[in-house]
Structures are given as structure tokens and as C-alpha cells.
Amino acid sequence: RRSREEIGEGALDGLVLSGVAGTAAVKLITPAYALLLKVAPGIPAG
């Protein structure tokens, strides 16, 4: 969020990180809370 202000990008509301051990996703619920999802490898990021 700090770097977003520096480069003028839109608000971050989610991200997906994939690795060999699985995938983690973060999704904004409200400005104060986020949902974390951790799944086994092989499920498409979309």
C-alpha cells in the first residue's frame, strides 16, 4: 500500500502468490479485514 502511493497505482484489493508447496491468496473484505486462503498446489490461480 505504501508503494502504491509512491507510484500512483490503484488500490490493492487482493493478491495471489503461488509456489511449489501451494498457493496463498489474500482478498480485502473491508478496509480493516482480509481473507487468507491457502490451498494445495495444482489449483488454477483464477
ModelCIF file with pLDDT and N, C-alpha, C, O atoms, coordinates in Angstrom:
data_MODEL
#
_entry.id   MODEL 
#
_entity.id                         1 
_entity.type                       polymer 
_entity.pdbx_number_of_molecules   1 
#
_entity_poly.entity_id                      1 
_entity_poly.type                           'polypeptide(L)' 
_entity_poly.nstd_linkage                   no 
_entity_poly.nstd_monomer                   no 
_entity_poly.pdbx_seq_one_letter_code       RRSREEIGEGALDGLVLSGVAGTAAVKLITPAYALLLKVAPGIPAG 
_entity_poly.pdbx_seq_one_letter_code_can   RRSREEIGEGALDGLVLSGVAGTAAVKLITPAYALLLKVAPGIPAG 
_entity_poly.pdbx_strand_id                 A 
#
loop_
_entity_poly_seq.entity_id 
_entity_poly_seq.num 
_entity_poly_seq.mon_id 
_entity_poly_seq.hetero 
1 1  ARG n 
1 2  ARG n 
1 3  SER n 
1 4  ARG n 
1 5  GLU n 
1 6  GLU n 
1 7  ILE n 
1 8  GLY n 
1 9  GLU n 
1 10 GLY n 
1 11 ALA n 
1 12 LEU n 
1 13 ASP n 
1 14 GLY n 
1 15 LEU n 
1 16 VAL n 
1 17 LEU n 
1 18 SER n 
1 19 GLY n 
1 20 VAL n 
1 21 ALA n 
1 22 GLY n 
1 23 THR n 
1 24 ALA n 
1 25 ALA n 
1 26 VAL n 
1 27 LYS n 
1 28 LEU n 
1 29 ILE n 
1 30 THR n 
1 31 PRO n 
1 32 ALA n 
1 33 TYR n 
1 34 ALA n 
1 35 LEU n 
1 36 LEU n 
1 37 LEU n 
1 38 LYS n 
1 39 VAL n 
1 40 ALA n 
1 41 PRO n 
1 42 GLY n 
1 43 ILE n 
1 44 PRO n 
1 45 ALA n 
1 46 GLY n 
#
_struct_asym.id          A 
_struct_asym.entity_id   1 
#
loop_
_ma_qa_metric.id 
_ma_qa_metric.mode 
_ma_qa_metric.name 
_ma_qa_metric.software_group_id 
_ma_qa_metric.type 
1 global pLDDT . pLDDT 
2 local  pLDDT . pLDDT 
#
_ma_qa_metric_global.metric_id      1 
_ma_qa_metric_global.metric_value   80.52 
_ma_qa_metric_global.model_id       1 
_ma_qa_metric_global.ordinal_id     1 
#
loop_
_ma_qa_metric_local.label_asym_id 
_ma_qa_metric_local.label_comp_id 
_ma_qa_metric_local.label_seq_id 
_ma_qa_metric_local.metric_id 
_ma_qa_metric_local.metric_value 
_ma_qa_metric_local.model_id 
_ma_qa_metric_local.ordinal_id 
A ARG 1  2 58.00 1 1  
A ARG 2  2 58.00 1 2  
A SER 3  2 57.00 1 3  
A ARG 4  2 58.00 1 4  
A GLU 5  2 62.00 1 5  
A GLU 6  2 64.00 1 6  
A ILE 7  2 67.00 1 7  
A GLY 8  2 62.00 1 8  
A GLU 9  2 66.00 1 9  
A GLY 10 2 65.00 1 10 
A ALA 11 2 70.00 1 11 
A LEU 12 2 74.00 1 12 
A ASP 13 2 83.00 1 13 
A GLY 14 2 85.00 1 14 
A LEU 15 2 84.00 1 15 
A VAL 16 2 86.00 1 16 
A LEU 17 2 84.00 1 17 
A SER 18 2 86.00 1 18 
A GLY 19 2 85.00 1 19 
A VAL 20 2 87.00 1 20 
A ALA 21 2 82.00 1 21 
A GLY 22 2 85.00 1 22 
A THR 23 2 87.00 1 23 
A ALA 24 2 85.00 1 24 
A ALA 25 2 87.00 1 25 
A VAL 26 2 87.00 1 26 
A LYS 27 2 90.00 1 27 
A LEU 28 2 89.00 1 28 
A ILE 29 2 90.00 1 29 
A THR 30 2 89.00 1 30 
A PRO 31 2 85.00 1 31 
A ALA 32 2 86.00 1 32 
A TYR 33 2 89.00 1 33 
A ALA 34 2 88.00 1 34 
A LEU 35 2 88.00 1 35 
A LEU 36 2 87.00 1 36 
A LEU 37 2 85.00 1 37 
A LYS 38 2 85.00 1 38 
A VAL 39 2 86.00 1 39 
A ALA 40 2 85.00 1 40 
A PRO 41 2 87.00 1 41 
A GLY 42 2 88.00 1 42 
A ILE 43 2 88.00 1 43 
A PRO 44 2 89.00 1 44 
A ALA 45 2 87.00 1 45 
A GLY 46 2 89.00 1 46 
#
loop_
_atom_site.group_PDB 
_atom_site.id 
_atom_site.type_symbol 
_atom_site.label_atom_id 
_atom_site.label_alt_id 
_atom_site.label_comp_id 
_atom_site.label_asym_id 
_atom_site.label_entity_id 
_atom_site.label_seq_id 
_atom_site.pdbx_PDB_ins_code 
_atom_site.Cartn_x 
_atom_site.Cartn_y 
_atom_site.Cartn_z 
_atom_site.occupancy 
_atom_site.B_iso_or_equiv 
_atom_site.pdbx_formal_charge 
_atom_site.auth_seq_id 
_atom_site.auth_comp_id 
_atom_site.auth_asym_id 
_atom_site.auth_atom_id 
_atom_site.pdbx_PDB_model_num 
ATOM 1   N N  . ARG A 1 1  ? 0.832   -1.201  0.000   1.00 58.00 ? 1  ARG A N  1 
ATOM 2   C CA . ARG A 1 1  ? 0.000   0.000   0.000   1.00 58.00 ? 1  ARG A CA 1 
ATOM 3   C C  . ARG A 1 1  ? 0.867   1.252   0.000   1.00 58.00 ? 1  ARG A C  1 
ATOM 4   O O  . ARG A 1 1  ? 0.524   2.241   -0.647  1.00 58.00 ? 1  ARG A O  1 
ATOM 5   N N  . ARG A 1 2  ? 1.988   1.218   0.721   1.00 58.00 ? 2  ARG A N  1 
ATOM 6   C CA . ARG A 1 2  ? 2.882   2.379   0.712   1.00 58.00 ? 2  ARG A CA 1 
ATOM 7   C C  . ARG A 1 2  ? 3.470   2.591   -0.672  1.00 58.00 ? 2  ARG A C  1 
ATOM 8   O O  . ARG A 1 2  ? 3.527   3.725   -1.148  1.00 58.00 ? 2  ARG A O  1 
ATOM 9   N N  . SER A 1 3  ? 3.909   1.519   -1.327  1.00 57.00 ? 3  SER A N  1 
ATOM 10  C CA . SER A 1 3  ? 4.496   1.685   -2.654  1.00 57.00 ? 3  SER A CA 1 
ATOM 11  C C  . SER A 1 3  ? 3.442   2.129   -3.665  1.00 57.00 ? 3  SER A C  1 
ATOM 12  O O  . SER A 1 3  ? 3.766   2.845   -4.612  1.00 57.00 ? 3  SER A O  1 
ATOM 13  N N  . ARG A 1 4  ? 2.191   1.719   -3.481  1.00 58.00 ? 4  ARG A N  1 
ATOM 14  C CA . ARG A 1 4  ? 1.112   2.144   -4.369  1.00 58.00 ? 4  ARG A CA 1 
ATOM 15  C C  . ARG A 1 4  ? 1.018   3.662   -4.371  1.00 58.00 ? 4  ARG A C  1 
ATOM 16  O O  . ARG A 1 4  ? 0.852   4.271   -5.428  1.00 58.00 ? 4  ARG A O  1 
ATOM 17  N N  . GLU A 1 5  ? 1.123   4.282   -3.196  1.00 62.00 ? 5  GLU A N  1 
ATOM 18  C CA . GLU A 1 5  ? 1.061   5.729   -3.114  1.00 62.00 ? 5  GLU A CA 1 
ATOM 19  C C  . GLU A 1 5  ? 2.231   6.369   -3.849  1.00 62.00 ? 5  GLU A C  1 
ATOM 20  O O  . GLU A 1 5  ? 2.083   7.425   -4.463  1.00 62.00 ? 5  GLU A O  1 
ATOM 21  N N  . GLU A 1 6  ? 3.383   5.733   -3.786  1.00 64.00 ? 6  GLU A N  1 
ATOM 22  C CA . GLU A 1 6  ? 4.567   6.285   -4.434  1.00 64.00 ? 6  GLU A CA 1 
ATOM 23  C C  . GLU A 1 6  ? 4.473   6.231   -5.952  1.00 64.00 ? 6  GLU A C  1 
ATOM 24  O O  . GLU A 1 6  ? 4.947   7.140   -6.633  1.00 64.00 ? 6  GLU A O  1 
ATOM 25  N N  . ILE A 1 7  ? 3.865   5.173   -6.492  1.00 67.00 ? 7  ILE A N  1 
ATOM 26  C CA . ILE A 1 7  ? 3.837   5.028   -7.948  1.00 67.00 ? 7  ILE A CA 1 
ATOM 27  C C  . ILE A 1 7  ? 2.475   5.343   -8.561  1.00 67.00 ? 7  ILE A C  1 
ATOM 28  O O  . ILE A 1 7  ? 2.320   5.278   -9.780  1.00 67.00 ? 7  ILE A O  1 
ATOM 29  N N  . GLY A 1 8  ? 1.485   5.685   -7.731  1.00 62.00 ? 8  GLY A N  1 
ATOM 30  C CA . GLY A 1 8  ? 0.202   6.132   -8.229  1.00 62.00 ? 8  GLY A CA 1 
ATOM 31  C C  . GLY A 1 8  ? -0.690  5.040   -8.798  1.00 62.00 ? 8  GLY A C  1 
ATOM 32  O O  . GLY A 1 8  ? -1.560  5.338   -9.616  1.00 62.00 ? 8  GLY A O  1 
ATOM 33  N N  . GLU A 1 9  ? -0.511  3.813   -8.406  1.00 66.00 ? 9  GLU A N  1 
ATOM 34  C CA . GLU A 1 9  ? -1.371  2.724   -8.878  1.00 66.00 ? 9  GLU A CA 1 
ATOM 35  C C  . GLU A 1 9  ? -2.685  2.715   -8.115  1.00 66.00 ? 9  GLU A C  1 
ATOM 36  O O  . GLU A 1 9  ? -2.831  3.401   -7.103  1.00 66.00 ? 9  GLU A O  1 
ATOM 37  N N  . GLY A 1 10 ? -3.638  1.933   -8.607  1.00 65.00 ? 10 GLY A N  1 
ATOM 38  C CA . GLY A 1 10 ? -4.931  1.783   -7.941  1.00 65.00 ? 10 GLY A CA 1 
ATOM 39  C C  . GLY A 1 10 ? -4.810  1.026   -6.630  1.00 65.00 ? 10 GLY A C  1 
ATOM 40  O O  . GLY A 1 10 ? -3.766  0.450   -6.323  1.00 65.00 ? 10 GLY A O  1 
ATOM 41  N N  . ALA A 1 11 ? -5.880  1.036   -5.870  1.00 70.00 ? 11 ALA A N  1 
ATOM 42  C CA . ALA A 1 11 ? -5.900  0.381   -4.563  1.00 70.00 ? 11 ALA A CA 1 
ATOM 43  C C  . ALA A 1 11 ? -5.730  -1.128  -4.699  1.00 70.00 ? 11 ALA A C  1 
ATOM 44  O O  . ALA A 1 11 ? -6.308  -1.748  -5.591  1.00 70.00 ? 11 ALA A O  1 
ATOM 45  N N  . LEU A 1 12 ? -4.948  -1.702  -3.826  1.00 74.00 ? 12 LEU A N  1 
ATOM 46  C CA . LEU A 1 12 ? -4.731  -3.144  -3.786  1.00 74.00 ? 12 LEU A CA 1 
ATOM 47  C C  . LEU A 1 12 ? -5.907  -3.777  -3.050  1.00 74.00 ? 12 LEU A C  1 
ATOM 48  O O  . LEU A 1 12 ? -6.179  -3.430  -1.901  1.00 74.00 ? 12 LEU A O  1 
ATOM 49  N N  . ASP A 1 13 ? -6.611  -4.711  -3.709  1.00 83.00 ? 13 ASP A N  1 
ATOM 50  C CA . ASP A 1 13 ? -7.730  -5.369  -3.025  1.00 83.00 ? 13 ASP A CA 1 
ATOM 51  C C  . ASP A 1 13 ? -7.570  -6.874  -2.977  1.00 83.00 ? 13 ASP A C  1 
ATOM 52  O O  . ASP A 1 13 ? -8.426  -7.557  -2.415  1.00 83.00 ? 13 ASP A O  1 
ATOM 53  N N  . GLY A 1 14 ? -6.508  -7.412  -3.545  1.00 85.00 ? 14 GLY A N  1 
ATOM 54  C CA . GLY A 1 14 ? -6.253  -8.842  -3.481  1.00 85.00 ? 14 GLY A CA 1 
ATOM 55  C C  . GLY A 1 14 ? -4.955  -9.194  -4.163  1.00 85.00 ? 14 GLY A C  1 
ATOM 56  O O  . GLY A 1 14 ? -4.443  -8.446  -4.996  1.00 85.00 ? 14 GLY A O  1 
ATOM 57  N N  . LEU A 1 15 ? -4.430  -10.350 -3.793  1.00 84.00 ? 15 LEU A N  1 
ATOM 58  C CA . LEU A 1 15 ? -3.236  -10.864 -4.454  1.00 84.00 ? 15 LEU A CA 1 
ATOM 59  C C  . LEU A 1 15 ? -3.194  -12.377 -4.304  1.00 84.00 ? 15 LEU A C  1 
ATOM 60  O O  . LEU A 1 15 ? -3.758  -12.939 -3.366  1.00 84.00 ? 15 LEU A O  1 
ATOM 61  N N  . VAL A 1 16 ? -2.515  -13.026 -5.246  1.00 86.00 ? 16 VAL A N  1 
ATOM 62  C CA . VAL A 1 16 ? -2.350  -14.476 -5.223  1.00 86.00 ? 16 VAL A CA 1 
ATOM 63  C C  . VAL A 1 16 ? -0.870  -14.768 -5.388  1.00 86.00 ? 16 VAL A C  1 
ATOM 64  O O  . VAL A 1 16 ? -0.232  -14.261 -6.311  1.00 86.00 ? 16 VAL A O  1 
ATOM 65  N N  . LEU A 1 17 ? -0.324  -15.581 -4.498  1.00 84.00 ? 17 LEU A N  1 
ATOM 66  C CA . LEU A 1 17 ? 1.080   -15.988 -4.545  1.00 84.00 ? 17 LEU A CA 1 
ATOM 67  C C  . LEU A 1 17 ? 1.132   -17.497 -4.696  1.00 84.00 ? 17 LEU A C  1 
ATOM 68  O O  . LEU A 1 17 ? 0.541   -18.225 -3.899  1.00 84.00 ? 17 LEU A O  1 
ATOM 69  N N  . SER A 1 18 ? 1.842   -17.974 -5.725  1.00 86.00 ? 18 SER A N  1 
ATOM 70  C CA . SER A 1 18 ? 1.945   -19.415 -5.972  1.00 86.00 ? 18 SER A CA 1 
ATOM 71  C C  . SER A 1 18 ? 3.383   -19.881 -5.817  1.00 86.00 ? 18 SER A C  1 
ATOM 72  O O  . SER A 1 18 ? 4.325   -19.175 -6.175  1.00 86.00 ? 18 SER A O  1 
ATOM 73  N N  . GLY A 1 19 ? 3.530   -21.075 -5.279  1.00 85.00 ? 19 GLY A N  1 
ATOM 74  C CA . GLY A 1 19 ? 4.835   -21.695 -5.117  1.00 85.00 ? 19 GLY A CA 1 
ATOM 75  C C  . GLY A 1 19 ? 4.709   -23.202 -5.242  1.00 85.00 ? 19 GLY A C  1 
ATOM 76  O O  . GLY A 1 19 ? 3.616   -23.712 -5.491  1.00 85.00 ? 19 GLY A O  1 
ATOM 77  N N  . VAL A 1 20 ? 5.803   -23.919 -5.076  1.00 87.00 ? 20 VAL A N  1 
ATOM 78  C CA . VAL A 1 20 ? 5.779   -25.370 -5.227  1.00 87.00 ? 20 VAL A CA 1 
ATOM 79  C C  . VAL A 1 20 ? 4.969   -26.059 -4.129  1.00 87.00 ? 20 VAL A C  1 
ATOM 80  O O  . VAL A 1 20 ? 4.448   -27.154 -4.343  1.00 87.00 ? 20 VAL A O  1 
ATOM 81  N N  . ALA A 1 21 ? 4.858   -25.433 -2.960  1.00 82.00 ? 21 ALA A N  1 
ATOM 82  C CA . ALA A 1 21 ? 4.129   -26.043 -1.851  1.00 82.00 ? 21 ALA A CA 1 
ATOM 83  C C  . ALA A 1 21 ? 2.647   -25.686 -1.848  1.00 82.00 ? 21 ALA A C  1 
ATOM 84  O O  . ALA A 1 21 ? 1.889   -26.216 -1.036  1.00 82.00 ? 21 ALA A O  1 
ATOM 85  N N  . GLY A 1 22 ? 2.225   -24.799 -2.742  1.00 85.00 ? 22 GLY A N  1 
ATOM 86  C CA . GLY A 1 22 ? 0.818   -24.420 -2.791  1.00 85.00 ? 22 GLY A CA 1 
ATOM 87  C C  . GLY A 1 22 ? 0.646   -22.978 -3.176  1.00 85.00 ? 22 GLY A C  1 
ATOM 88  O O  . GLY A 1 22 ? 1.575   -22.326 -3.653  1.00 85.00 ? 22 GLY A O  1 
ATOM 89  N N  . THR A 1 23 ? -0.561  -22.483 -2.964  1.00 87.00 ? 23 THR A N  1 
ATOM 90  C CA . THR A 1 23 ? -0.909  -21.123 -3.333  1.00 87.00 ? 23 THR A CA 1 
ATOM 91  C C  . THR A 1 23 ? -1.575  -20.445 -2.146  1.00 87.00 ? 23 THR A C  1 
ATOM 92  O O  . THR A 1 23 ? -2.350  -21.062 -1.416  1.00 87.00 ? 23 THR A O  1 
ATOM 93  N N  . ALA A 1 24 ? -1.262  -19.165 -1.962  1.00 85.00 ? 24 ALA A N  1 
ATOM 94  C CA . ALA A 1 24 ? -1.890  -18.357 -0.927  1.00 85.00 ? 24 ALA A CA 1 
ATOM 95  C C  . ALA A 1 24 ? -2.549  -17.167 -1.604  1.00 85.00 ? 24 ALA A C  1 
ATOM 96  O O  . ALA A 1 24 ? -1.977  -16.563 -2.512  1.00 85.00 ? 24 ALA A O  1 
ATOM 97  N N  . ALA A 1 25 ? -3.743  -16.836 -1.161  1.00 87.00 ? 25 ALA A N  1 
ATOM 98  C CA . ALA A 1 25 ? -4.460  -15.687 -1.683  1.00 87.00 ? 25 ALA A CA 1 
ATOM 99  C C  . ALA A 1 25 ? -4.881  -14.798 -0.525  1.00 87.00 ? 25 ALA A C  1 
ATOM 100 O O  . ALA A 1 25 ? -5.226  -15.279 0.554   1.00 87.00 ? 25 ALA A O  1 
ATOM 101 N N  . VAL A 1 26 ? -4.848  -13.506 -0.765  1.00 87.00 ? 26 VAL A N  1 
ATOM 102 C CA . VAL A 1 26 ? -5.335  -12.523 0.192   1.00 87.00 ? 26 VAL A CA 1 
ATOM 103 C C  . VAL A 1 26 ? -6.390  -11.698 -0.532  1.00 87.00 ? 26 VAL A C  1 
ATOM 104 O O  . VAL A 1 26 ? -6.154  -11.236 -1.649  1.00 87.00 ? 26 VAL A O  1 
ATOM 105 N N  . LYS A 1 27 ? -7.543  -11.509 0.086   1.00 90.00 ? 27 LYS A N  1 
ATOM 106 C CA . LYS A 1 27 ? -8.611  -10.715 -0.515  1.00 90.00 ? 27 LYS A CA 1 
ATOM 107 C C  . LYS A 1 27 ? -9.171  -9.769  0.534   1.00 90.00 ? 27 LYS A C  1 
ATOM 108 O O  . LYS A 1 27 ? -9.533  -10.195 1.631   1.00 90.00 ? 27 LYS A O  1 
ATOM 109 N N  . LEU A 1 28 ? -9.243  -8.502  0.204   1.00 89.00 ? 28 LEU A N  1 
ATOM 110 C CA . LEU A 1 28 ? -9.802  -7.497  1.086   1.00 89.00 ? 28 LEU A CA 1 
ATOM 111 C C  . LEU A 1 28 ? -11.277 -7.802  1.345   1.00 89.00 ? 28 LEU A C  1 
ATOM 112 O O  . LEU A 1 28 ? -12.038 -8.047  0.408   1.00 89.00 ? 28 LEU A O  1 
ATOM 113 N N  . ILE A 1 29 ? -11.677 -7.786  2.618   1.00 90.00 ? 29 ILE A N  1 
ATOM 114 C CA . ILE A 1 29 ? -13.088 -7.939  2.982   1.00 90.00 ? 29 ILE A CA 1 
ATOM 115 C C  . ILE A 1 29 ? -13.659 -6.550  3.259   1.00 90.00 ? 29 ILE A C  1 
ATOM 116 O O  . ILE A 1 29 ? -14.664 -6.149  2.671   1.00 90.00 ? 29 ILE A O  1 
ATOM 117 N N  . THR A 1 30 ? -13.005 -5.826  4.159   1.00 89.00 ? 30 THR A N  1 
ATOM 118 C CA . THR A 1 30 ? -13.312 -4.437  4.482   1.00 89.00 ? 30 THR A CA 1 
ATOM 119 C C  . THR A 1 30 ? -11.971 -3.721  4.587   1.00 89.00 ? 30 THR A C  1 
ATOM 120 O O  . THR A 1 30 ? -10.934 -4.379  4.506   1.00 89.00 ? 30 THR A O  1 
ATOM 121 N N  . PRO A 1 31 ? -11.947 -2.408  4.761   1.00 85.00 ? 31 PRO A N  1 
ATOM 122 C CA . PRO A 1 31 ? -10.647 -1.738  4.929   1.00 85.00 ? 31 PRO A CA 1 
ATOM 123 C C  . PRO A 1 31 ? -9.845  -2.231  6.133   1.00 85.00 ? 31 PRO A C  1 
ATOM 124 O O  . PRO A 1 31 ? -8.641  -1.983  6.209   1.00 85.00 ? 31 PRO A O  1 
ATOM 125 N N  . ALA A 1 32 ? -10.483 -2.917  7.068   1.00 86.00 ? 32 ALA A N  1 
ATOM 126 C CA . ALA A 1 32 ? -9.788  -3.376  8.270   1.00 86.00 ? 32 ALA A CA 1 
ATOM 127 C C  . ALA A 1 32 ? -9.518  -4.879  8.301   1.00 86.00 ? 32 ALA A C  1 
ATOM 128 O O  . ALA A 1 32 ? -8.736  -5.336  9.135   1.00 86.00 ? 32 ALA A O  1 
ATOM 129 N N  . TYR A 1 33 ? -10.142 -5.662  7.415   1.00 89.00 ? 33 TYR A N  1 
ATOM 130 C CA . TYR A 1 33 ? -10.030 -7.119  7.466   1.00 89.00 ? 33 TYR A CA 1 
ATOM 131 C C  . TYR A 1 33 ? -9.732  -7.715  6.097   1.00 89.00 ? 33 TYR A C  1 
ATOM 132 O O  . TYR A 1 33 ? -10.110 -7.173  5.059   1.00 89.00 ? 33 TYR A O  1 
ATOM 133 N N  . ALA A 1 34 ? -9.041  -8.853  6.133   1.00 88.00 ? 34 ALA A N  1 
ATOM 134 C CA . ALA A 1 34 ? -8.732  -9.571  4.896   1.00 88.00 ? 34 ALA A CA 1 
ATOM 135 C C  . ALA A 1 34 ? -8.983  -11.061 5.084   1.00 88.00 ? 34 ALA A C  1 
ATOM 136 O O  . ALA A 1 34 ? -8.908  -11.596 6.190   1.00 88.00 ? 34 ALA A O  1 
ATOM 137 N N  . LEU A 1 35 ? -9.281  -11.705 3.974   1.00 88.00 ? 35 LEU A N  1 
ATOM 138 C CA . LEU A 1 35 ? -9.462  -13.152 3.922   1.00 88.00 ? 35 LEU A CA 1 
ATOM 139 C C  . LEU A 1 35 ? -8.163  -13.755 3.409   1.00 88.00 ? 35 LEU A C  1 
ATOM 140 O O  . LEU A 1 35 ? -7.608  -13.286 2.416   1.00 88.00 ? 35 LEU A O  1 
ATOM 141 N N  . LEU A 1 36 ? -7.676  -14.798 4.084   1.00 87.00 ? 36 LEU A N  1 
ATOM 142 C CA . LEU A 1 36 ? -6.499  -15.539 3.637   1.00 87.00 ? 36 LEU A CA 1 
ATOM 143 C C  . LEU A 1 36 ? -6.942  -16.928 3.231   1.00 87.00 ? 36 LEU A C  1 
ATOM 144 O O  . LEU A 1 36 ? -7.714  -17.574 3.940   1.00 87.00 ? 36 LEU A O  1 
ATOM 145 N N  . LEU A 1 37 ? -6.460  -17.384 2.102   1.00 85.00 ? 37 LEU A N  1 
ATOM 146 C CA . LEU A 1 37 ? -6.798  -18.710 1.610   1.00 85.00 ? 37 LEU A CA 1 
ATOM 147 C C  . LEU A 1 37 ? -5.503  -19.404 1.223   1.00 85.00 ? 37 LEU A C  1 
ATOM 148 O O  . LEU A 1 37 ? -4.722  -18.877 0.431   1.00 85.00 ? 37 LEU A O  1 
ATOM 149 N N  . LYS A 1 38 ? -5.278  -20.584 1.780   1.00 85.00 ? 38 LYS A N  1 
ATOM 150 C CA . LYS A 1 38 ? -4.082  -21.382 1.481   1.00 85.00 ? 38 LYS A CA 1 
ATOM 151 C C  . LYS A 1 38 ? -4.552  -22.714 0.920   1.00 85.00 ? 38 LYS A C  1 
ATOM 152 O O  . LYS A 1 38 ? -5.309  -23.435 1.571   1.00 85.00 ? 38 LYS A O  1 
ATOM 153 N N  . VAL A 1 39 ? -4.100  -23.047 -0.303  1.00 86.00 ? 39 VAL A N  1 
ATOM 154 C CA . VAL A 1 39 ? -4.544  -24.283 -0.952  1.00 86.00 ? 39 VAL A CA 1 
ATOM 155 C C  . VAL A 1 39 ? -3.341  -25.077 -1.456  1.00 86.00 ? 39 VAL A C  1 
ATOM 156 O O  . VAL A 1 39 ? -2.248  -24.541 -1.641  1.00 86.00 ? 39 VAL A O  1 
ATOM 157 N N  . ALA A 1 40 ? -3.575  -26.354 -1.668  1.00 85.00 ? 40 ALA A N  1 
ATOM 158 C CA . ALA A 1 40 ? -2.539  -27.251 -2.188  1.00 85.00 ? 40 ALA A CA 1 
ATOM 159 C C  . ALA A 1 40 ? -2.188  -26.858 -3.624  1.00 85.00 ? 40 ALA A C  1 
ATOM 160 O O  . ALA A 1 40 ? -2.963  -26.168 -4.287  1.00 85.00 ? 40 ALA A O  1 
ATOM 161 N N  . PRO A 1 41 ? -1.025  -27.294 -4.103  1.00 87.00 ? 41 PRO A N  1 
ATOM 162 C CA . PRO A 1 41 ? -0.641  -26.971 -5.474  1.00 87.00 ? 41 PRO A CA 1 
ATOM 163 C C  . PRO A 1 41 ? -1.585  -27.598 -6.496  1.00 87.00 ? 41 PRO A C  1 
ATOM 164 O O  . PRO A 1 41 ? -2.249  -28.597 -6.218  1.00 87.00 ? 41 PRO A O  1 
ATOM 165 N N  . GLY A 1 42 ? -1.633  -26.995 -7.681  1.00 88.00 ? 42 GLY A N  1 
ATOM 166 C CA . GLY A 1 42 ? -2.391  -27.574 -8.782  1.00 88.00 ? 42 GLY A CA 1 
ATOM 167 C C  . GLY A 1 42 ? -3.723  -26.923 -9.072  1.00 88.00 ? 42 GLY A C  1 
ATOM 168 O O  . GLY A 1 42 ? -4.332  -27.215 -10.102 1.00 88.00 ? 42 GLY A O  1 
ATOM 169 N N  . ILE A 1 43 ? -4.204  -26.039 -8.187  1.00 88.00 ? 43 ILE A N  1 
ATOM 170 C CA . ILE A 1 43 ? -5.473  -25.366 -8.432  1.00 88.00 ? 43 ILE A CA 1 
ATOM 171 C C  . ILE A 1 43 ? -5.169  -24.062 -9.173  1.00 88.00 ? 43 ILE A C  1 
ATOM 172 O O  . ILE A 1 43 ? -4.313  -23.295 -8.733  1.00 88.00 ? 43 ILE A O  1 
ATOM 173 N N  . PRO A 1 44 ? -5.851  -23.800 -10.281 1.00 89.00 ? 44 PRO A N  1 
ATOM 174 C CA . PRO A 1 44 ? -5.570  -22.589 -11.064 1.00 89.00 ? 44 PRO A CA 1 
ATOM 175 C C  . PRO A 1 44 ? -5.770  -21.303 -10.248 1.00 89.00 ? 44 PRO A C  1 
ATOM 176 O O  . PRO A 1 44 ? -6.717  -21.191 -9.470  1.00 89.00 ? 44 PRO A O  1 
ATOM 177 N N  . ALA A 1 45 ? -4.872  -20.349 -10.437 1.00 87.00 ? 45 ALA A N  1 
ATOM 178 C CA . ALA A 1 45 ? -4.927  -19.090 -9.698  1.00 87.00 ? 45 ALA A CA 1 
ATOM 179 C C  . ALA A 1 45 ? -6.237  -18.352 -9.932  1.00 87.00 ? 45 ALA A C  1 
ATOM 180 O O  . ALA A 1 45 ? -6.755  -17.719 -9.012  1.00 87.00 ? 45 ALA A O  1 
ATOM 181 N N  . GLY A 1 46 ? -6.789  -18.420 -11.147 1.00 89.00 ? 46 GLY A N  1 
ATOM 182 C CA . GLY A 1 46 ? -8.056  -17.757 -11.433 1.00 89.00 ? 46 GLY A CA 1 
ATOM 183 C C  . GLY A 1 46 ? -9.191  -18.304 -10.592 1.00 89.00 ? 46 GLY A C  1 
ATOM 184 O O  . GLY A 1 46 ? -10.327 -17.847 -10.716 1.00 89.00 ? 46 GLY A O  1 
#
